[in-house]
Protein backbone atom coordinates (compact mmCIF):
# COMPACT_ATOMS: atom_id res chain seq x y z
CA UNK A 1 6.87 29.34 -6.27
CA UNK A 2 7.20 25.61 -5.60
CA UNK A 3 4.51 23.98 -3.44
CA UNK A 4 5.95 22.90 -0.09
CA UNK A 5 4.48 19.66 1.22
CA UNK A 6 5.10 17.69 4.41
CA UNK A 7 4.48 13.94 4.10
CA UNK A 8 4.10 12.22 7.48
CA UNK A 9 4.33 8.51 8.27
CA UNK A 10 4.46 6.60 11.58
CA UNK A 11 5.77 3.44 9.96
CA UNK A 12 9.41 2.44 9.68
CA UNK A 13 10.68 3.43 6.25
CA UNK A 14 13.57 1.01 6.42
CA UNK A 15 10.98 -1.77 6.19
CA UNK A 16 9.24 -1.29 2.87
CA UNK A 17 5.67 -2.51 2.99
CA UNK A 18 3.07 -1.31 0.54
CA UNK A 19 2.25 1.89 2.44
CA UNK A 20 5.90 2.89 2.72
CA UNK A 21 6.54 2.16 -0.95
CA UNK A 22 3.50 4.21 -1.97
CA UNK A 23 4.65 7.10 0.24
CA UNK A 24 8.20 7.17 -1.13
CA UNK A 25 6.98 6.91 -4.71
CA UNK A 26 4.55 9.78 -4.09
CA UNK A 27 7.35 11.90 -2.66
CA UNK A 28 9.45 11.30 -5.78
CA UNK A 29 6.47 12.13 -8.04
CA UNK A 30 5.89 15.43 -6.24
CA UNK A 31 9.56 16.38 -6.53
CA UNK A 32 9.40 15.54 -10.22
CA UNK A 33 6.48 17.95 -10.57
CA UNK A 34 8.46 20.78 -8.99
CA UNK A 35 7.28 20.53 -5.38
CA UNK A 36 9.53 20.71 -2.33
CA UNK A 37 8.91 17.72 -0.09
CA UNK A 38 9.61 17.28 3.59
CA UNK A 39 9.32 13.68 4.81
CA UNK A 40 8.66 13.25 8.53
CA UNK A 41 9.05 9.70 9.84
CA UNK A 42 10.78 7.46 12.36
CA UNK A 43 13.70 5.53 11.00
CA UNK A 44 16.49 3.42 12.40
CA UNK A 45 18.51 2.88 9.27
CA UNK A 46 19.07 3.90 5.67
CA UNK A 47 15.92 5.21 3.99
CA UNK A 48 15.89 4.76 0.17
CA UNK A 49 14.32 8.13 -0.65
CA UNK A 50 14.63 10.56 -3.56
CA UNK A 51 17.78 12.68 -3.06
CA UNK A 52 15.77 15.93 -3.24
CA UNK A 53 13.37 14.87 -0.47
CA UNK A 54 14.31 16.35 2.91
CA UNK A 55 14.02 13.82 5.72
CA UNK A 56 13.22 14.79 9.30
CA UNK A 57 13.47 11.80 11.64
CA UNK A 58 11.51 11.54 14.86
CA UNK A 59 13.08 8.98 17.19
CA UNK A 60 10.84 6.12 18.27
CA UNK A 61 10.93 5.08 21.92
CA UNK A 62 10.62 1.42 20.99
CA UNK A 63 9.09 -0.88 18.41
CA UNK A 64 6.15 -3.19 18.86
CA UNK A 65 7.65 -6.70 18.74
CA UNK A 66 6.59 -8.81 15.79
CA UNK A 67 5.16 -5.87 13.85
CA UNK A 68 8.30 -3.75 13.37
CA UNK A 69 6.08 -0.76 14.27
CA UNK A 70 7.87 2.22 15.88
CA UNK A 71 6.16 3.86 18.83
CA UNK A 72 6.06 7.66 18.59
CA UNK A 73 3.84 9.29 21.19
CA UNK A 74 2.05 12.60 20.69
CA UNK A 75 3.06 14.99 23.43
CA UNK A 76 3.64 18.71 23.84
CA UNK A 77 7.35 18.59 23.03
CA UNK A 78 6.82 16.69 19.79
CA UNK A 79 3.92 18.93 18.80
CA UNK A 80 6.01 22.06 19.28
CA UNK A 81 8.99 20.58 17.44
CA UNK A 82 6.78 19.75 14.48
CA UNK A 83 5.18 23.20 14.49
CA UNK A 84 8.63 24.80 14.32
CA UNK A 85 9.68 22.37 11.57
CA UNK A 86 6.63 23.25 9.48
CA UNK A 87 7.35 26.95 9.93
CA UNK A 88 11.07 26.64 9.17
CA UNK A 89 10.40 24.82 5.90
CA UNK A 90 7.47 27.04 4.89
CA UNK A 91 5.15 24.03 4.61
CA UNK A 92 1.77 24.67 2.97
CA UNK A 93 0.06 21.26 3.26
CA UNK A 94 0.48 18.45 5.80
CA UNK A 95 -0.24 15.05 4.25
CA UNK A 96 -0.59 12.03 6.56
CA UNK A 97 0.09 8.45 5.52
CA UNK A 98 -0.63 6.86 8.90
CA UNK A 99 -2.87 7.21 11.95
CA UNK A 100 -0.73 6.92 15.07
CA UNK A 101 1.19 9.25 17.38
CA UNK A 102 3.31 11.07 14.82
CA UNK A 103 0.23 11.67 12.69
CA UNK A 104 -1.68 13.01 15.70
CA UNK A 105 1.12 15.40 16.62
CA UNK A 106 1.31 16.56 13.00
CA UNK A 107 -2.43 17.27 12.93
CA UNK A 108 -2.08 19.38 16.07
CA UNK A 109 0.97 21.22 14.69
CA UNK A 110 -0.81 21.88 11.39
CA UNK A 111 -3.80 23.27 13.28
CA UNK A 112 -1.57 25.73 15.16
CA UNK A 113 0.05 26.77 11.89
CA UNK A 114 -3.28 27.13 10.08
CA UNK A 115 -2.42 24.49 7.47
CA UNK A 116 -4.77 22.03 5.77
CA UNK A 117 -4.39 18.32 6.50
CA UNK A 118 -4.76 15.52 3.93
CA UNK A 119 -4.83 11.85 4.92
CA UNK A 120 -4.19 8.94 2.57
CA UNK A 121 -5.79 5.80 4.00
CA UNK A 122 -3.63 2.87 2.95
CA UNK A 123 -5.96 0.29 4.41
CA UNK A 124 -9.36 0.35 6.06
CA UNK A 125 -9.45 -3.45 6.06
CA UNK A 126 -7.26 -4.27 9.05
CA UNK A 127 -7.42 -7.88 10.22
CA UNK A 128 -6.24 -9.05 13.63
CA UNK A 129 -5.54 -12.71 14.38
CA UNK A 130 -8.74 -14.70 14.84
CA UNK A 131 -7.91 -16.00 18.35
CA UNK A 132 -8.45 -13.52 21.16
CA UNK A 133 -10.40 -10.91 19.24
CA UNK A 134 -12.31 -9.81 22.34
CA UNK A 135 -9.11 -9.52 24.35
CA UNK A 136 -7.27 -7.64 21.61
CA UNK A 137 -9.98 -5.03 20.98
CA UNK A 138 -9.57 -3.06 24.25
CA UNK A 139 -5.78 -3.27 23.91
CA UNK A 140 -5.96 -1.73 20.43
CA UNK A 141 -8.18 1.08 21.68
CA UNK A 142 -5.94 1.74 24.69
CA UNK A 143 -2.78 1.74 22.56
CA UNK A 144 -4.22 4.18 20.05
CA UNK A 145 -5.47 6.49 22.80
CA UNK A 146 -2.04 6.33 24.50
CA UNK A 147 0.02 7.30 21.43
CA UNK A 148 -2.39 9.83 19.89
CA UNK A 149 -4.31 11.35 22.78
CA UNK A 150 -7.49 10.83 20.74
CA UNK A 151 -10.55 8.96 21.92
CA UNK A 152 -12.08 6.64 19.36
CA UNK A 153 -15.52 7.77 18.33
CA UNK A 154 -18.60 5.61 18.28
CA UNK A 155 -20.73 4.97 15.25
CA UNK A 156 -21.58 2.28 12.76
CA UNK A 157 -19.85 -1.06 13.32
CA UNK A 158 -16.89 -1.30 10.96
CA UNK A 159 -16.19 -5.04 11.13
CA UNK A 160 -17.84 -8.18 12.42
CA UNK A 161 -14.96 -9.11 14.75
CA UNK A 162 -14.21 -6.78 17.70
CA UNK A 163 -10.45 -6.39 17.21
CA UNK A 164 -10.87 -5.78 13.48
CA UNK A 165 -13.49 -3.17 14.34
CA UNK A 166 -11.11 -1.48 16.81
CA UNK A 167 -8.31 -1.35 14.23
CA UNK A 168 -10.57 0.17 11.58
CA UNK A 169 -11.95 2.67 14.08
CA UNK A 170 -8.35 3.70 14.76
CA UNK A 171 -8.02 4.68 11.09
CA UNK A 172 -11.43 6.36 11.07
CA UNK A 173 -10.56 8.41 14.15
CA UNK A 174 -7.46 9.79 12.45
CA UNK A 175 -9.12 10.38 9.09
CA UNK A 176 -11.87 12.44 10.72
CA UNK A 177 -9.22 15.02 11.66
CA UNK A 178 -8.26 15.61 8.00
CA UNK A 179 -9.68 18.24 5.67
CA UNK A 180 -9.53 15.75 2.80
CA UNK A 181 -9.22 11.95 2.81
CA UNK A 182 -7.63 10.14 -0.12
CA UNK A 183 -8.14 6.50 -1.04
CA UNK A 184 -6.08 4.73 -3.70
CA UNK A 185 -9.13 2.64 -4.65
CA UNK A 186 -12.79 3.27 -5.33
CA UNK A 187 -14.02 0.32 -3.26
CA UNK A 188 -12.20 1.52 -0.14
CA UNK A 189 -13.43 5.08 -0.75
CA UNK A 190 -16.98 3.75 -0.71
CA UNK A 191 -16.40 2.03 2.63
CA UNK A 192 -14.93 5.21 4.10
CA UNK A 193 -17.94 7.24 2.97
CA UNK A 194 -20.25 4.62 4.44
CA UNK A 195 -18.42 5.14 7.74
CA UNK A 196 -19.29 8.84 7.61
CA UNK A 197 -16.18 10.42 6.10
CA UNK A 198 -16.57 13.33 3.69
CA UNK A 199 -14.92 14.40 1.46
CA UNK A 200 -13.10 11.32 0.16
CA UNK A 201 -11.29 11.43 -3.19
CA UNK A 202 -9.85 8.51 -5.16
CA UNK A 203 -6.19 8.85 -6.17
CA UNK A 204 -4.43 5.67 -7.38
CA UNK A 205 -0.91 4.94 -6.21
CA UNK A 206 2.07 5.57 -8.45
CA UNK A 207 5.43 4.01 -9.15
CA UNK A 208 8.44 5.12 -11.17
CA UNK A 209 9.23 2.42 -13.72
CA UNK A 210 10.87 2.23 -17.12
CA UNK A 211 8.63 1.58 -20.08
CA UNK A 212 8.44 -2.11 -20.86
CA UNK A 213 7.27 -4.01 -23.93
CA UNK A 214 4.21 -6.26 -23.71
CA UNK A 215 4.53 -10.02 -24.04
CA UNK A 216 4.53 -11.24 -27.62
CA UNK A 217 4.21 -14.90 -26.69
CA UNK A 218 4.58 -17.24 -23.74
CA UNK A 219 6.93 -20.17 -24.14
CA UNK A 220 6.71 -22.94 -21.54
CA UNK A 221 7.05 -22.86 -18.67
CA UNK A 222 4.52 -20.24 -17.65
CA UNK A 223 6.44 -18.13 -15.13
CA UNK A 224 4.33 -16.81 -12.24
CA UNK A 225 5.58 -14.33 -9.62
CA UNK A 226 4.10 -13.72 -6.15
CA UNK A 227 5.42 -10.66 -4.27
CA UNK A 228 4.51 -9.56 -0.76
CA UNK A 229 4.47 -10.35 2.94
CA UNK A 230 4.08 -14.05 3.67
CA UNK A 231 1.25 -13.54 6.18
CA UNK A 232 -2.32 -14.88 6.49
CA UNK A 233 -4.06 -11.80 5.06
CA UNK A 234 -2.04 -12.08 1.85
CA UNK A 235 -3.02 -15.76 1.57
CA UNK A 236 0.40 -17.12 0.70
CA UNK A 237 -0.49 -20.66 1.87
CA UNK A 238 -3.55 -21.10 -0.40
CA UNK A 239 -1.42 -19.83 -3.28
CA UNK A 240 1.41 -22.28 -2.62
CA UNK A 241 -1.08 -25.14 -2.30
CA UNK A 242 -2.57 -24.07 -5.65
CA UNK A 243 0.86 -23.98 -7.27
CA UNK A 244 1.64 -27.50 -6.08
CA UNK A 245 -1.73 -28.82 -7.32
CA UNK A 246 -1.28 -27.13 -10.70
CA UNK A 247 2.22 -28.52 -11.18
CA UNK A 248 1.03 -32.01 -10.32
CA UNK A 249 -1.68 -31.77 -12.98
CA UNK A 250 0.52 -30.18 -15.64
CA UNK A 251 3.64 -32.27 -15.25
CA UNK A 252 7.26 -31.11 -15.49
CA UNK A 253 8.32 -28.01 -17.41
CA UNK A 254 4.89 -26.35 -17.73
CA UNK A 255 4.68 -24.02 -14.70
CA UNK A 256 7.38 -22.19 -12.74
CA UNK A 257 6.41 -20.30 -9.57
CA UNK A 258 8.54 -17.77 -7.66
CA UNK A 259 7.75 -16.12 -4.32
CA UNK A 260 9.54 -12.93 -3.22
CA UNK A 261 8.90 -11.88 0.35
CA UNK A 262 9.21 -12.81 3.99
CA UNK A 263 6.84 -13.12 6.92
CA UNK A 264 5.39 -15.32 9.62
CA UNK A 265 4.18 -18.02 7.20
CA UNK A 266 7.27 -18.27 5.02
CA UNK A 267 8.62 -21.46 6.57
CA UNK A 268 5.19 -23.08 6.49
CA UNK A 269 4.89 -22.16 2.83
CA UNK A 270 8.28 -23.71 2.11
CA UNK A 271 7.13 -26.91 3.79
CA UNK A 272 3.96 -27.08 1.72
CA UNK A 273 5.85 -26.39 -1.50
CA UNK A 274 8.35 -29.17 -0.97
CA UNK A 275 10.68 -27.75 -3.61
CA UNK A 276 7.94 -27.00 -6.17
CA UNK A 277 8.20 -23.23 -5.61
CA UNK A 278 11.29 -21.03 -5.68
CA UNK A 279 11.48 -18.75 -2.61
CA UNK A 280 13.68 -15.66 -2.88
CA UNK A 281 13.03 -14.19 0.57
CA UNK A 282 12.80 -10.46 1.04
CA UNK A 283 14.06 -8.52 -1.98
CA UNK A 284 14.81 -4.78 -2.34
CA UNK A 285 12.05 -2.81 -4.03
CA UNK A 286 14.33 -1.84 -6.89
CA UNK A 287 14.55 -5.52 -7.90
CA UNK A 288 10.79 -5.84 -8.48
CA UNK A 289 10.79 -4.52 -12.09
CA UNK A 290 13.44 -7.08 -13.02
CA UNK A 291 11.52 -9.90 -11.36
CA UNK A 292 8.39 -8.87 -13.27
CA UNK A 293 10.30 -8.64 -16.55
CA UNK A 294 11.49 -12.23 -16.01
CA UNK A 295 7.90 -13.39 -15.36
CA UNK A 296 4.79 -13.77 -17.48
CA UNK A 297 2.22 -13.19 -14.77
CA UNK A 298 1.88 -11.69 -11.28
CA UNK A 299 -0.28 -13.53 -8.74
CA UNK A 300 -2.17 -11.46 -6.15
CA UNK A 301 -4.07 -13.80 -3.87
CA UNK A 302 -5.49 -11.65 -1.05
CA UNK A 303 -9.28 -11.50 -0.71
CA UNK A 304 -11.19 -8.87 1.26
CA UNK A 305 -8.05 -7.29 2.66
CA UNK A 306 -6.24 -5.09 0.16
CA UNK A 307 -7.02 -1.50 -0.71
CA UNK A 308 -5.01 -0.99 -3.90
CA UNK A 309 -1.90 -3.17 -3.82
CA UNK A 310 1.35 -1.63 -5.02
CA UNK A 311 2.10 -4.91 -6.77
CA UNK A 312 -0.79 -4.21 -9.18
CA UNK A 313 0.73 -0.82 -10.02
CA UNK A 314 4.15 -2.35 -10.52
CA UNK A 315 2.82 -5.17 -12.69
CA UNK A 316 0.78 -2.88 -14.93
CA UNK A 317 3.70 -0.48 -15.34
CA UNK A 318 5.81 -3.50 -16.37
CA UNK A 319 3.01 -4.56 -18.78
CA UNK A 320 2.46 -7.81 -16.95
CA UNK A 321 -1.02 -9.21 -16.26
CA UNK A 322 -2.32 -9.90 -12.77
CA UNK A 323 -4.04 -13.09 -11.62
CA UNK A 324 -6.20 -11.93 -8.69
CA UNK A 325 -8.92 -13.23 -6.39
CA UNK A 326 -10.67 -10.16 -4.96
CA UNK A 327 -13.40 -8.89 -7.27
CA UNK A 328 -13.58 -5.61 -5.29
CA UNK A 329 -10.21 -4.60 -6.77
CA UNK A 330 -10.65 -2.60 -9.98
CA UNK A 331 -7.89 0.00 -10.50
CA UNK A 332 -5.56 -1.18 -13.24
CA UNK A 333 -7.27 -4.54 -13.67
CA UNK A 334 -9.75 -3.79 -16.46
CA UNK A 335 -7.85 -5.64 -19.17
CA UNK A 336 -4.63 -6.66 -17.40
CA UNK A 337 -6.54 -8.51 -14.67
CA UNK A 338 -7.46 -12.21 -14.76
CA UNK A 339 -9.95 -13.04 -11.99
CA UNK A 340 -9.71 -16.45 -10.34
CA UNK A 341 -11.56 -18.17 -7.47
CA UNK A 342 -9.85 -17.70 -4.08
CA UNK A 343 -9.70 -21.40 -3.15
CA UNK A 344 -6.54 -23.42 -3.76
CA UNK A 345 -8.49 -25.64 -6.15
CA UNK A 346 -9.89 -22.65 -8.05
CA UNK A 347 -6.49 -20.99 -8.28
CA UNK A 348 -4.95 -24.25 -9.45
CA UNK A 349 -7.59 -24.53 -12.19
CA UNK A 350 -6.74 -21.00 -13.36
CA UNK A 351 -3.00 -21.68 -13.39
CA UNK A 352 -3.50 -24.92 -15.33
CA UNK A 353 -5.77 -23.22 -17.89
CA UNK A 354 -3.31 -20.37 -18.45
CA UNK A 355 -0.34 -22.70 -18.74
CA UNK A 356 -2.14 -24.81 -21.32
CA UNK A 357 -3.51 -21.85 -23.26
CA UNK A 358 -1.41 -18.74 -22.52
CA UNK A 359 -3.07 -16.58 -25.15
CA UNK A 360 -5.06 -14.84 -22.43
CA UNK A 361 -1.82 -13.92 -20.67
CA UNK A 362 -0.49 -12.31 -23.85
CA UNK A 363 -3.75 -10.38 -24.41
CA UNK A 364 -3.80 -9.15 -20.82
CA UNK A 365 -0.18 -8.00 -21.12
CA UNK A 366 -1.03 -5.94 -24.21
CA UNK A 367 -4.04 -4.44 -22.41
CA UNK A 368 -1.77 -3.00 -19.70
CA UNK A 369 -0.64 -0.29 -22.10
CA UNK A 370 -4.13 1.21 -22.14
CA UNK A 371 -4.41 1.63 -18.36
CA UNK A 372 -0.86 2.33 -17.15
CA UNK A 373 -1.20 6.12 -17.63
CA UNK A 374 -3.30 6.43 -14.46
CA UNK A 375 -0.34 5.14 -12.41
CA UNK A 376 2.38 7.36 -13.87
CA UNK A 377 4.18 9.77 -11.52
CA UNK A 378 3.25 12.73 -13.73
CA UNK A 379 -0.46 11.95 -13.57
CA UNK A 380 -0.34 11.23 -9.82
CA UNK A 381 1.46 14.49 -9.00
CA UNK A 382 -0.82 16.59 -11.21
CA UNK A 383 -3.95 15.17 -9.62
CA UNK A 384 -2.54 15.44 -6.10
CA UNK A 385 -1.46 19.08 -6.50
CA UNK A 386 -4.91 19.90 -7.89
CA UNK A 387 -6.49 18.35 -4.80
CA UNK A 388 -4.14 20.31 -2.52
CA UNK A 389 -5.17 23.54 -4.24
CA UNK A 390 -8.85 22.75 -3.72
CA UNK A 391 -8.38 23.14 0.06
CA UNK A 392 -8.43 26.41 1.99
CA UNK A 393 -4.89 27.43 2.80
CA UNK A 394 -1.68 28.78 1.28
CA UNK A 395 -1.97 26.75 -1.95
CA UNK A 396 -5.57 27.72 -2.70
CA UNK A 397 -6.05 29.32 -6.13
CA UNK A 398 -2.36 29.00 -7.02
CA UNK A 399 -1.71 27.93 -10.60
CA UNK A 400 0.96 25.38 -11.49
CA UNK A 401 3.97 24.32 -9.42
């Protein structure tokens, strides 16, 4: 009998950030392993999901301006609708990918149905804007209480700044309601355990991608790709400054830099680049493998923010190395990763060195073949189904799909 899983997400699936991409890729991996998947989420447009994934949409009352975040509030009507949905589809595990109102209602519905709850934490490293931290903190707490009905617990301080602490406590409050917490990275799992969560298991993200050959050589120019949201926490501006510095030092025809993504700092990044960087804007997820295949190197320039970026998974699956700045990141980077200082000057030095002597890029590309197995859909689904079966509930002690 096929396992029947409900995946729940408060975020808009028609805007594909890292969490949404990870969720949709996980759904496809589970279907590929023989599971039946019900996806519960708000959506206002076309959702690029696997055709065998059943979508149940929960209308959002409105969206938070600037964040594209739907507001779904936990109330009795939603809780009962979800309970009936779980029963109708014979769901055996409820798996959360968010921590807001829809997640809260799903926890309550699962409790009434006697089902175990799993929660994947996509980030425990929330960062609010630096100005107004003390004003934002009570607003974050009030918003979370309003949409979930939960009261944030006290405990160890989770961040130095008050709004960051409130955001991380929001995630902690939701994760405490789960029977099992999953983290795509070991370093985030450690932080979750330090905050008092138990049990926490590490399960890397997955992505469906065709096999790709490693680089055999790098002919000038060195082609570097940056993919993501053009926002402060992803550090797009230091990267663009580094690219400009590196090109000035190398001269024409030695370094080509492409940025794919949109966000609040895109126009500022364009101004800094002054034509030295090619900006593609927001691109569909299905174009990422092609962009990687046309590049020699992926640049990941966040520091102290990311859990386990989907871009790392996509680069390793495409056998492309990753130039990164955050030494806490480990999954997929032992071999394919090239660590660089986070400053524009340090990043520029790294880009110049690799452009002048690209042998390290070729070696890192070849090394991707040794680590890409951990990110394959087959491996992800096998490990996830094993974790589901370890929980009390309908799937306990069942063998195979």
